[in-house]
């Protein structure tokens, strides 16, 4: 299409445009900080041992003891998240989506923040008389890693080629472990007095290790959702200096679902999730 504005006859040609000065290259922006990743891991010892309960910190219950469980109904929990990684403080939003139909379950927890992206963990598996039996666990952040649990074969397999871990009934992953604790406590609260030790095998997407929780007392928490009374369980550190430690608070008024989770890694890095909204699924 021609330009509708033409120069008048005899008009001098337009002067050539002067060249724009060369601009200096724009510096690349600094890379955005990333959500924390787990440290290097290796399979721990005794990961094929079953769940062990020591009421009040005393002698363990005999093998084969039937432990009642009461799984929470499907619900969505939204959290305010804060933490620190490598000296960088952050605030973010987090969500836990929990679904179960009496036979199968799926749990997905995500934490996301502007410029930092999203990290999510997903656990899928079966519901048994003993509670949750994870089949697959996926951890998605800068890259995606996963674990597959073959309880019948006694092995967990890892997508990154890590050596298989020996496992048995009672294996949990890094997400299902908190929901299994909910189910155990809800099934028989009186069987878990303060001082009770709950020991089980918990697997990330890269390795398995024994985790131990000590049951504490009920505390009143001031959370974004309001004042909530919840039972505190402390995750005790393992033998490794880099092992996670922390606490989880389970609220009876919310089916013993976690209303706060705080985990610490090393000396300074931590993440603290505090409930701001509880949305049970319609019955």
C-alpha atoms as a PDB file:
ATOM      1  CA  UNK A   1       0.000   0.000   0.000  1.00  0.00           C
ATOM      2  CA  UNK A   2       1.365   3.420  -0.975  1.00  0.00           C
ATOM      3  CA  UNK A   3       1.898   6.239   1.451  1.00  0.00           C
ATOM      4  CA  UNK A   4      -1.133   8.578   1.027  1.00  0.00           C
ATOM      5  CA  UNK A   5       1.010  11.650   1.808  1.00  0.00           C
ATOM      6  CA  UNK A   6       3.274  12.557  -1.147  1.00  0.00           C
ATOM      7  CA  UNK A   7       5.865  15.417  -1.338  1.00  0.00           C
ATOM      8  CA  UNK A   8       4.881  18.454  -3.461  1.00  0.00           C
ATOM      9  CA  UNK A   9       6.353  18.734  -6.988  1.00  0.00           C
ATOM     10  CA  UNK A  10       9.836  20.242  -6.929  1.00  0.00           C
ATOM     11  CA  UNK A  11      10.145  19.866  -3.189  1.00  0.00           C
ATOM     12  CA  UNK A  12      13.619  18.880  -2.090  1.00  0.00           C
ATOM     13  CA  UNK A  13      14.055  15.341  -1.020  1.00  0.00           C
ATOM     14  CA  UNK A  14      13.928  14.808   2.688  1.00  0.00           C
ATOM     15  CA  UNK A  15      17.214  15.048   4.520  1.00  0.00           C
ATOM     16  CA  UNK A  16      18.724  11.722   5.442  1.00  0.00           C
ATOM     17  CA  UNK A  17      18.131  10.711   8.995  1.00  0.00           C
ATOM     18  CA  UNK A  18      21.133  10.869  11.247  1.00  0.00           C
ATOM     19  CA  UNK A  19      22.251   7.606  12.719  1.00  0.00           C
ATOM     20  CA  UNK A  20      21.307   7.010  16.350  1.00  0.00           C
ATOM     21  CA  UNK A  21      24.261   6.649  18.637  1.00  0.00           C
ATOM     22  CA  UNK A  22      25.137   3.069  19.438  1.00  0.00           C
ATOM     23  CA  UNK A  23      23.616   2.087  22.722  1.00  0.00           C
ATOM     24  CA  UNK A  24      25.527   0.107  25.277  1.00  0.00           C
ATOM     25  CA  UNK A  25      24.219  -3.435  25.832  1.00  0.00           C
ATOM     26  CA  UNK A  26      21.551  -3.722  28.500  1.00  0.00           C
ATOM     27  CA  UNK A  27      22.879  -5.709  31.420  1.00  0.00           C
ATOM     28  CA  UNK A  28      21.078  -8.976  32.078  1.00  0.00           C
ATOM     29  CA  UNK A  29      18.915  -8.912  35.177  1.00  0.00           C
ATOM     30  CA  UNK A  30      20.155 -10.809  38.158  1.00  0.00           C
ATOM     31  CA  UNK A  31      18.620 -14.281  38.416  1.00  0.00           C
ATOM     32  CA  UNK A  32      15.604 -14.476  40.685  1.00  0.00           C
ATOM     33  CA  UNK A  33      16.022 -16.437  43.871  1.00  0.00           C
ATOM     34  CA  UNK A  34      14.600 -19.941  43.812  1.00  0.00           C
ATOM     35  CA  UNK A  35      12.496 -21.826  46.281  1.00  0.00           C
ATOM     36  CA  UNK A  36      14.615 -24.051  48.508  1.00  0.00           C
ATOM     37  CA  UNK A  37      15.628 -27.472  47.281  1.00  0.00           C
ATOM     38  CA  UNK A  38      16.350 -30.448  49.480  1.00  0.00           C
ATOM     39  CA  UNK A  39      20.011 -31.161  50.293  1.00  0.00           C
ATOM     40  CA  UNK A  40      21.787 -34.248  48.929  1.00  0.00           C
ATOM     41  CA  UNK A  41      20.394 -37.435  50.430  1.00  0.00           C
ATOM     42  CA  UNK A  42      21.299 -41.080  50.842  1.00  0.00           C
ATOM     43  CA  UNK A  43      19.186 -43.990  51.995  1.00  0.00           C
ATOM     44  CA  UNK A  44      19.242 -44.437  55.756  1.00  0.00           C
ATOM     45  CA  UNK A  45      19.533 -47.634  57.744  1.00  0.00           C
ATOM     46  CA  UNK A  46      16.615 -49.809  58.861  1.00  0.00           C
ATOM     47  CA  UNK A  47      14.187 -48.338  56.294  1.00  0.00           C
ATOM     48  CA  UNK A  48      12.449 -51.728  55.990  1.00  0.00           C
ATOM     49  CA  UNK A  49      11.313 -51.607  59.624  1.00  0.00           C
ATOM     50  CA  UNK A  50       7.564 -51.148  60.160  1.00  0.00           C
ATOM     51  CA  UNK A  51       5.810 -48.342  61.992  1.00  0.00           C
ATOM     52  CA  UNK A  52       6.725 -48.321  65.676  1.00  0.00           C
ATOM     53  CA  UNK A  53       4.817 -46.642  68.512  1.00  0.00           C
ATOM     54  CA  UNK A  54       6.202 -46.078  72.024  1.00  0.00           C
ATOM     55  CA  UNK A  55       3.298 -44.803  74.185  1.00  0.00           C
ATOM     56  CA  UNK A  56       4.530 -42.144  76.573  1.00  0.00           C
ATOM     57  CA  UNK A  57       8.080 -42.849  75.382  1.00  0.00           C
ATOM     58  CA  UNK A  58       8.077 -46.297  77.026  1.00  0.00           C
ATOM     59  CA  UNK A  59       8.277 -49.769  75.534  1.00  0.00           C
ATOM     60  CA  UNK A  60       7.159 -50.154  71.909  1.00  0.00           C
ATOM     61  CA  UNK A  61       3.803 -51.732  71.136  1.00  0.00           C
ATOM     62  CA  UNK A  62       4.129 -55.414  70.154  1.00  0.00           C
ATOM     63  CA  UNK A  63       4.468 -56.153  66.421  1.00  0.00           C
ATOM     64  CA  UNK A  64       1.100 -56.635  64.771  1.00  0.00           C
ATOM     65  CA  UNK A  65      -0.739 -54.307  67.172  1.00  0.00           C
ATOM     66  CA  UNK A  66      -3.832 -52.967  65.409  1.00  0.00           C
ATOM     67  CA  UNK A  67      -3.709 -49.172  65.288  1.00  0.00           C
ATOM     68  CA  UNK A  68      -7.065 -47.503  64.589  1.00  0.00           C
ATOM     69  CA  UNK A  69      -7.018 -44.854  61.864  1.00  0.00           C
ATOM     70  CA  UNK A  70      -9.573 -42.204  60.881  1.00  0.00           C
ATOM     71  CA  UNK A  71      -8.718 -40.450  57.650  1.00  0.00           C
ATOM     72  CA  UNK A  72      -9.849 -36.857  57.207  1.00  0.00           C
ATOM     73  CA  UNK A  73     -12.439 -36.127  54.544  1.00  0.00           C
ATOM     74  CA  UNK A  74     -11.397 -34.342  51.387  1.00  0.00           C
ATOM     75  CA  UNK A  75     -10.473 -30.702  51.928  1.00  0.00           C
ATOM     76  CA  UNK A  76      -8.391 -27.796  50.644  1.00  0.00           C
ATOM     77  CA  UNK A  77      -6.145 -25.897  53.032  1.00  0.00           C
ATOM     78  CA  UNK A  78      -4.561 -22.564  52.172  1.00  0.00           C
ATOM     79  CA  UNK A  79      -1.531 -21.283  54.067  1.00  0.00           C
ATOM     80  CA  UNK A  80       0.629 -18.234  54.467  1.00  0.00           C
ATOM     81  CA  UNK A  81       4.211 -19.385  54.023  1.00  0.00           C
ATOM     82  CA  UNK A  82       7.370 -17.677  55.193  1.00  0.00           C
ATOM     83  CA  UNK A  83      10.929 -18.820  55.393  1.00  0.00           C
ATOM     84  CA  UNK A  84      14.579 -18.350  54.680  1.00  0.00           C
ATOM     85  CA  UNK A  85      16.919 -20.013  52.224  1.00  0.00           C
ATOM     86  CA  UNK A  86      20.620 -19.154  51.956  1.00  0.00           C
ATOM     87  CA  UNK A  87      20.027 -15.890  53.806  1.00  0.00           C
ATOM     88  CA  UNK A  88      17.107 -14.825  51.584  1.00  0.00           C
ATOM     89  CA  UNK A  89      13.838 -14.219  53.462  1.00  0.00           C
ATOM     90  CA  UNK A  90      10.610 -14.822  51.578  1.00  0.00           C
ATOM     91  CA  UNK A  91       6.845 -14.821  51.982  1.00  0.00           C
ATOM     92  CA  UNK A  92       4.602 -16.880  49.751  1.00  0.00           C
ATOM     93  CA  UNK A  93       1.268 -18.608  49.366  1.00  0.00           C
ATOM     94  CA  UNK A  94       0.835 -22.335  49.829  1.00  0.00           C
ATOM     95  CA  UNK A  95      -1.988 -24.800  49.348  1.00  0.00           C
ATOM     96  CA  UNK A  96      -2.675 -28.410  50.343  1.00  0.00           C
ATOM     97  CA  UNK A  97      -5.301 -30.240  48.299  1.00  0.00           C
ATOM     98  CA  UNK A  98      -6.381 -33.515  49.893  1.00  0.00           C
ATOM     99  CA  UNK A  99      -8.795 -35.910  48.173  1.00  0.00           C
ATOM    100  CA  UNK A 100      -9.853 -39.429  49.092  1.00  0.00           C
ATOM    101  CA  UNK A 101     -12.766 -41.709  48.197  1.00  0.00           C
ATOM    102  CA  UNK A 102     -12.215 -44.519  50.710  1.00  0.00           C
ATOM    103  CA  UNK A 103     -10.066 -46.560  48.288  1.00  0.00           C
ATOM    104  CA  UNK A 104      -7.608 -44.127  46.736  1.00  0.00           C
ATOM    105  CA  UNK A 105      -6.149 -40.800  47.744  1.00  0.00           C
ATOM    106  CA  UNK A 106      -4.273 -37.908  46.200  1.00  0.00           C
ATOM    107  CA  UNK A 107      -2.543 -35.080  48.048  1.00  0.00           C
ATOM    108  CA  UNK A 108      -0.856 -32.100  46.412  1.00  0.00           C
ATOM    109  CA  UNK A 109       0.995 -29.359  48.237  1.00  0.00           C
ATOM    110  CA  UNK A 110       2.321 -26.316  46.406  1.00  0.00           C
ATOM    111  CA  UNK A 111       4.155 -23.175  47.421  1.00  0.00           C
ATOM    112  CA  UNK A 112       4.516 -20.305  44.969  1.00  0.00           C
ATOM    113  CA  UNK A 113       5.851 -16.778  44.923  1.00  0.00           C
ATOM    114  CA  UNK A 114       6.370 -14.073  42.304  1.00  0.00           C
ATOM    115  CA  UNK A 115       9.839 -14.413  40.722  1.00  0.00           C
ATOM    116  CA  UNK A 116      10.538 -17.612  42.644  1.00  0.00           C
ATOM    117  CA  UNK A 117       8.165 -19.843  40.723  1.00  0.00           C
ATOM    118  CA  UNK A 118       6.387 -22.844  42.209  1.00  0.00           C
ATOM    119  CA  UNK A 119       7.455 -25.984  43.974  1.00  0.00           C
ATOM    120  CA  UNK A 120       4.928 -28.769  44.336  1.00  0.00           C
ATOM    121  CA  UNK A 121       4.796 -32.228  45.842  1.00  0.00           C
ATOM    122  CA  UNK A 122       2.202 -34.836  44.932  1.00  0.00           C
ATOM    123  CA  UNK A 123       1.451 -38.126  46.675  1.00  0.00           C
ATOM    124  CA  UNK A 124      -0.893 -40.770  45.261  1.00  0.00           C
ATOM    125  CA  UNK A 125      -1.790 -44.180  46.579  1.00  0.00           C
ATOM    126  CA  UNK A 126      -4.143 -46.605  48.273  1.00  0.00           C
ATOM    127  CA  UNK A 127      -6.205 -46.445  51.430  1.00  0.00           C
ATOM    128  CA  UNK A 128      -5.785 -49.553  53.574  1.00  0.00           C
ATOM    129  CA  UNK A 129      -6.945 -50.561  57.070  1.00  0.00           C
ATOM    130  CA  UNK A 130      -3.596 -49.195  58.301  1.00  0.00           C
ATOM    131  CA  UNK A 131      -4.088 -45.826  56.619  1.00  0.00           C
ATOM    132  CA  UNK A 132      -2.203 -44.493  53.593  1.00  0.00           C
ATOM    133  CA  UNK A 133      -0.064 -46.643  51.314  1.00  0.00           C
ATOM    134  CA  UNK A 134       1.701 -44.341  48.848  1.00  0.00           C
ATOM    135  CA  UNK A 135       2.386 -45.668  45.359  1.00  0.00           C
ATOM    136  CA  UNK A 136       3.958 -42.618  43.721  1.00  0.00           C
ATOM    137  CA  UNK A 137       5.522 -39.397  44.981  1.00  0.00           C
ATOM    138  CA  UNK A 138       6.563 -36.491  42.742  1.00  0.00           C
ATOM    139  CA  UNK A 139       8.599 -33.434  43.711  1.00  0.00           C
ATOM    140  CA  UNK A 140       8.565 -30.683  41.065  1.00  0.00           C
ATOM    141  CA  UNK A 141      10.710 -27.576  41.312  1.00  0.00           C
ATOM    142  CA  UNK A 142      13.704 -26.625  39.182  1.00  0.00           C
ATOM    143  CA  UNK A 143      13.442 -30.194  37.952  1.00  0.00           C
ATOM    144  CA  UNK A 144      11.041 -33.042  38.504  1.00  0.00           C
ATOM    145  CA  UNK A 145      11.999 -36.093  40.540  1.00  0.00           C
ATOM    146  CA  UNK A 146       9.845 -39.004  41.603  1.00  0.00           C
ATOM    147  CA  UNK A 147       9.710 -42.158  43.684  1.00  0.00           C
ATOM    148  CA  UNK A 148       7.694 -45.323  43.130  1.00  0.00           C
ATOM    149  CA  UNK A 149       6.910 -47.574  46.075  1.00  0.00           C
ATOM    150  CA  UNK A 150       6.678 -51.328  45.476  1.00  0.00           C
ATOM    151  CA  UNK A 151       5.628 -52.518  48.914  1.00  0.00           C
ATOM    152  CA  UNK A 152       5.031 -56.096  47.740  1.00  0.00           C
ATOM    153  CA  UNK A 153       8.566 -56.199  46.322  1.00  0.00           C
ATOM    154  CA  UNK A 154      10.019 -54.406  49.338  1.00  0.00           C
ATOM    155  CA  UNK A 155      11.696 -51.627  47.320  1.00  0.00           C
ATOM    156  CA  UNK A 156      11.302 -47.967  46.483  1.00  0.00           C
ATOM    157  CA  UNK A 157      12.621 -46.847  43.090  1.00  0.00           C
ATOM    158  CA  UNK A 158      13.886 -43.344  42.276  1.00  0.00           C
ATOM    159  CA  UNK A 159      13.796 -41.527  38.949  1.00  0.00           C
ATOM    160  CA  UNK A 160      17.290 -40.021  39.315  1.00  0.00           C
ATOM    161  CA  UNK A 161      18.935 -43.410  39.531  1.00  0.00           C
ATOM    162  CA  UNK A 162      19.546 -43.373  43.287  1.00  0.00           C
ATOM    163  CA  UNK A 163      19.979 -46.839  44.760  1.00  0.00           C
ATOM    164  CA  UNK A 164      16.669 -48.491  45.623  1.00  0.00           C
ATOM    165  CA  UNK A 165      15.689 -48.356  49.291  1.00  0.00           C
ATOM    166  CA  UNK A 166      14.379 -51.321  51.260  1.00  0.00           C
ATOM    167  CA  UNK A 167      10.830 -50.622  52.477  1.00  0.00           C
ATOM    168  CA  UNK A 168       7.891 -52.385  54.133  1.00  0.00           C
ATOM    169  CA  UNK A 169       4.284 -51.734  55.095  1.00  0.00           C
ATOM    170  CA  UNK A 170       3.987 -48.335  56.706  1.00  0.00           C
ATOM    171  CA  UNK A 171       6.250 -46.484  54.239  1.00  0.00           C
ATOM    172  CA  UNK A 172       5.241 -42.829  53.803  1.00  0.00           C
ATOM    173  CA  UNK A 173       6.514 -40.051  51.583  1.00  0.00           C
ATOM    174  CA  UNK A 174       7.372 -36.482  52.538  1.00  0.00           C
ATOM    175  CA  UNK A 175       3.758 -35.361  52.080  1.00  0.00           C
ATOM    176  CA  UNK A 176       1.682 -38.389  53.061  1.00  0.00           C
ATOM    177  CA  UNK A 177       3.548 -38.632  56.377  1.00  0.00           C
ATOM    178  CA  UNK A 178       1.663 -35.634  57.792  1.00  0.00           C
ATOM    179  CA  UNK A 179      -1.711 -37.017  56.676  1.00  0.00           C
ATOM    180  CA  UNK A 180      -0.884 -40.449  58.115  1.00  0.00           C
ATOM    181  CA  UNK A 181      -0.101 -38.786  61.450  1.00  0.00           C
ATOM    182  CA  UNK A 182      -3.518 -37.099  61.228  1.00  0.00           C
ATOM    183  CA  UNK A 183      -5.192 -40.454  60.646  1.00  0.00           C
ATOM    184  CA  UNK A 184      -3.379 -42.166  63.521  1.00  0.00           C
ATOM    185  CA  UNK A 185      -4.101 -39.443  66.078  1.00  0.00           C
ATOM    186  CA  UNK A 186      -7.720 -39.079  64.958  1.00  0.00           C
ATOM    187  CA  UNK A 187      -8.252 -42.852  65.175  1.00  0.00           C
ATOM    188  CA  UNK A 188      -7.454 -43.055  68.901  1.00  0.00           C
ATOM    189  CA  UNK A 189      -6.300 -39.746  70.455  1.00  0.00           C
ATOM    190  CA  UNK A 190      -6.041 -41.261  73.949  1.00  0.00           C
ATOM    191  CA  UNK A 191      -3.431 -43.769  72.757  1.00  0.00           C
ATOM    192  CA  UNK A 192      -0.933 -40.976  72.071  1.00  0.00           C
ATOM    193  CA  UNK A 193      -0.255 -39.223  75.400  1.00  0.00           C
ATOM    194  CA  UNK A 194       2.489 -36.587  75.597  1.00  0.00           C
ATOM    195  CA  UNK A 195       5.911 -38.147  75.187  1.00  0.00           C
ATOM    196  CA  UNK A 196       4.724 -40.857  72.782  1.00  0.00           C
ATOM    197  CA  UNK A 197       7.240 -41.598  70.043  1.00  0.00           C
ATOM    198  CA  UNK A 198       6.040 -42.406  66.514  1.00  0.00           C
ATOM    199  CA  UNK A 199       8.763 -43.810  64.254  1.00  0.00           C
ATOM    200  CA  UNK A 200       8.289 -44.661  60.590  1.00  0.00           C
ATOM    201  CA  UNK A 201      10.072 -44.681  57.247  1.00  0.00           C
ATOM    202  CA  UNK A 202       9.617 -41.511  55.191  1.00  0.00           C
ATOM    203  CA  UNK A 203      10.871 -41.178  51.623  1.00  0.00           C
ATOM    204  CA  UNK A 204      11.631 -38.126  49.531  1.00  0.00           C
ATOM    205  CA  UNK A 205      11.853 -38.377  45.743  1.00  0.00           C
ATOM    206  CA  UNK A 206      15.506 -39.379  46.160  1.00  0.00           C
ATOM    207  CA  UNK A 207      15.985 -41.459  49.312  1.00  0.00           C
ATOM    208  CA  UNK A 208      14.322 -43.015  52.355  1.00  0.00           C
ATOM    209  CA  UNK A 209      15.108 -42.552  56.043  1.00  0.00           C
ATOM    210  CA  UNK A 210      13.619 -43.254  59.461  1.00  0.00           C
ATOM    211  CA  UNK A 211      11.689 -40.297  60.884  1.00  0.00           C
ATOM    212  CA  UNK A 212      10.703 -39.986  64.513  1.00  0.00           C
ATOM    213  CA  UNK A 213       7.996 -37.737  65.972  1.00  0.00           C
ATOM    214  CA  UNK A 214       7.387 -36.989  69.638  1.00  0.00           C
ATOM    215  CA  UNK A 215       3.839 -36.171  70.680  1.00  0.00           C
ATOM    216  CA  UNK A 216       3.571 -33.010  72.782  1.00  0.00           C
ATOM    217  CA  UNK A 217       0.665 -31.156  74.335  1.00  0.00           C
ATOM    218  CA  UNK A 218      -2.180 -29.167  72.836  1.00  0.00           C
ATOM    219  CA  UNK A 219      -1.372 -25.514  72.206  1.00  0.00           C
ATOM    220  CA  UNK A 220      -3.443 -22.484  71.266  1.00  0.00           C
ATOM    221  CA  UNK A 221      -2.082 -20.955  68.064  1.00  0.00           C
ATOM    222  CA  UNK A 222      -2.793 -17.497  66.692  1.00  0.00           C
ATOM    223  CA  UNK A 223      -2.908 -18.171  62.956  1.00  0.00           C
ATOM    224  CA  UNK A 224      -4.106 -16.170  59.940  1.00  0.00           C
ATOM    225  CA  UNK A 225      -7.375 -18.143  60.135  1.00  0.00           C
ATOM    226  CA  UNK A 226      -7.774 -17.173  63.808  1.00  0.00           C
ATOM    227  CA  UNK A 227      -7.208 -18.810  67.176  1.00  0.00           C
ATOM    228  CA  UNK A 228      -6.856 -22.597  66.866  1.00  0.00           C
ATOM    229  CA  UNK A 229      -6.157 -25.314  69.452  1.00  0.00           C
ATOM    230  CA  UNK A 230      -3.873 -27.989  68.017  1.00  0.00           C
ATOM    231  CA  UNK A 231      -1.782 -30.942  69.143  1.00  0.00           C
ATOM    232  CA  UNK A 232       1.942 -30.427  68.614  1.00  0.00           C
ATOM    233  CA  UNK A 233       4.237 -33.157  67.317  1.00  0.00           C
ATOM    234  CA  UNK A 234       7.966 -32.513  67.031  1.00  0.00           C
ATOM    235  CA  UNK A 235       9.991 -34.117  64.268  1.00  0.00           C
ATOM    236  CA  UNK A 236      13.235 -35.129  65.962  1.00  0.00           C
ATOM    237  CA  UNK A 237      16.561 -34.740  64.141  1.00  0.00           C
ATOM    238  CA  UNK A 238      18.278 -37.862  62.902  1.00  0.00           C
ATOM    239  CA  UNK A 239      21.937 -38.779  63.052  1.00  0.00           C
ATOM    240  CA  UNK A 240      22.921 -36.551  60.130  1.00  0.00           C
ATOM    241  CA  UNK A 241      23.828 -32.932  60.970  1.00  0.00           C
ATOM    242  CA  UNK A 242      21.831 -31.797  57.932  1.00  0.00           C
ATOM    243  CA  UNK A 243      18.701 -33.754  58.826  1.00  0.00           C
ATOM    244  CA  UNK A 244      15.415 -31.892  58.938  1.00  0.00           C
ATOM    245  CA  UNK A 245      13.832 -31.076  62.267  1.00  0.00           C
ATOM    246  CA  UNK A 246      10.607 -29.261  62.941  1.00  0.00           C
ATOM    247  CA  UNK A 247       7.057 -29.437  64.222  1.00  0.00           C
ATOM    248  CA  UNK A 248       3.529 -30.059  62.975  1.00  0.00           C
ATOM    249  CA  UNK A 249       0.308 -28.993  64.700  1.00  0.00           C
ATOM    250  CA  UNK A 250      -2.873 -31.069  64.164  1.00  0.00           C
ATOM    251  CA  UNK A 251      -6.258 -29.493  64.944  1.00  0.00           C
ATOM    252  CA  UNK A 252      -9.077 -31.696  66.215  1.00  0.00           C
ATOM    253  CA  UNK A 253     -11.679 -29.161  65.021  1.00  0.00           C
ATOM    254  CA  UNK A 254     -10.344 -29.655  61.470  1.00  0.00           C
ATOM    255  CA  UNK A 255     -10.205 -33.467  61.368  1.00  0.00           C
ATOM    256  CA  UNK A 256      -6.689 -33.398  62.850  1.00  0.00           C
ATOM    257  CA  UNK A 257      -5.391 -31.942  59.583  1.00  0.00           C
ATOM    258  CA  UNK A 258      -2.169 -29.900  59.873  1.00  0.00           C
ATOM    259  CA  UNK A 259      -2.804 -26.234  60.595  1.00  0.00           C
ATOM    260  CA  UNK A 260       0.861 -25.339  60.936  1.00  0.00           C
ATOM    261  CA  UNK A 261       4.038 -27.024  59.672  1.00  0.00           C
ATOM    262  CA  UNK A 262       7.497 -25.671  60.431  1.00  0.00           C
ATOM    263  CA  UNK A 263      10.617 -27.409  59.145  1.00  0.00           C
ATOM    264  CA  UNK A 264      14.235 -26.341  59.666  1.00  0.00           C
ATOM    265  CA  UNK A 265      17.224 -27.436  57.585  1.00  0.00           C
ATOM    266  CA  UNK A 266      20.797 -26.867  58.741  1.00  0.00           C
ATOM    267  CA  UNK A 267      21.362 -23.857  60.959  1.00  0.00           C
ATOM    268  CA  UNK A 268      19.235 -21.153  59.346  1.00  0.00           C
ATOM    269  CA  UNK A 269      17.034 -22.336  56.460  1.00  0.00           C
ATOM    270  CA  UNK A 270      13.398 -22.922  57.359  1.00  0.00           C
ATOM    271  CA  UNK A 271       9.848 -22.870  56.045  1.00  0.00           C
ATOM    272  CA  UNK A 272       6.780 -22.084  58.165  1.00  0.00           C
ATOM    273  CA  UNK A 273       3.256 -22.752  56.857  1.00  0.00           C
ATOM    274  CA  UNK A 274       0.350 -21.253  58.824  1.00  0.00           C
ATOM    275  CA  UNK A 275      -3.283 -21.931  57.945  1.00  0.00           C
ATOM    276  CA  UNK A 276      -5.357 -19.049  56.604  1.00  0.00           C
ATOM    277  CA  UNK A 277      -8.337 -20.898  55.078  1.00  0.00           C
ATOM    278  CA  UNK A 278      -9.925 -24.322  55.599  1.00  0.00           C
ATOM    279  CA  UNK A 279     -12.346 -25.561  52.926  1.00  0.00           C
ATOM    280  CA  UNK A 280     -13.824 -29.041  53.592  1.00  0.00           C
ATOM    281  CA  UNK A 281     -15.320 -30.669  50.522  1.00  0.00           C
ATOM    282  CA  UNK A 282     -19.130 -30.793  50.361  1.00  0.00           C
ATOM    283  CA  UNK A 283     -20.467 -34.084  51.653  1.00  0.00           C
END
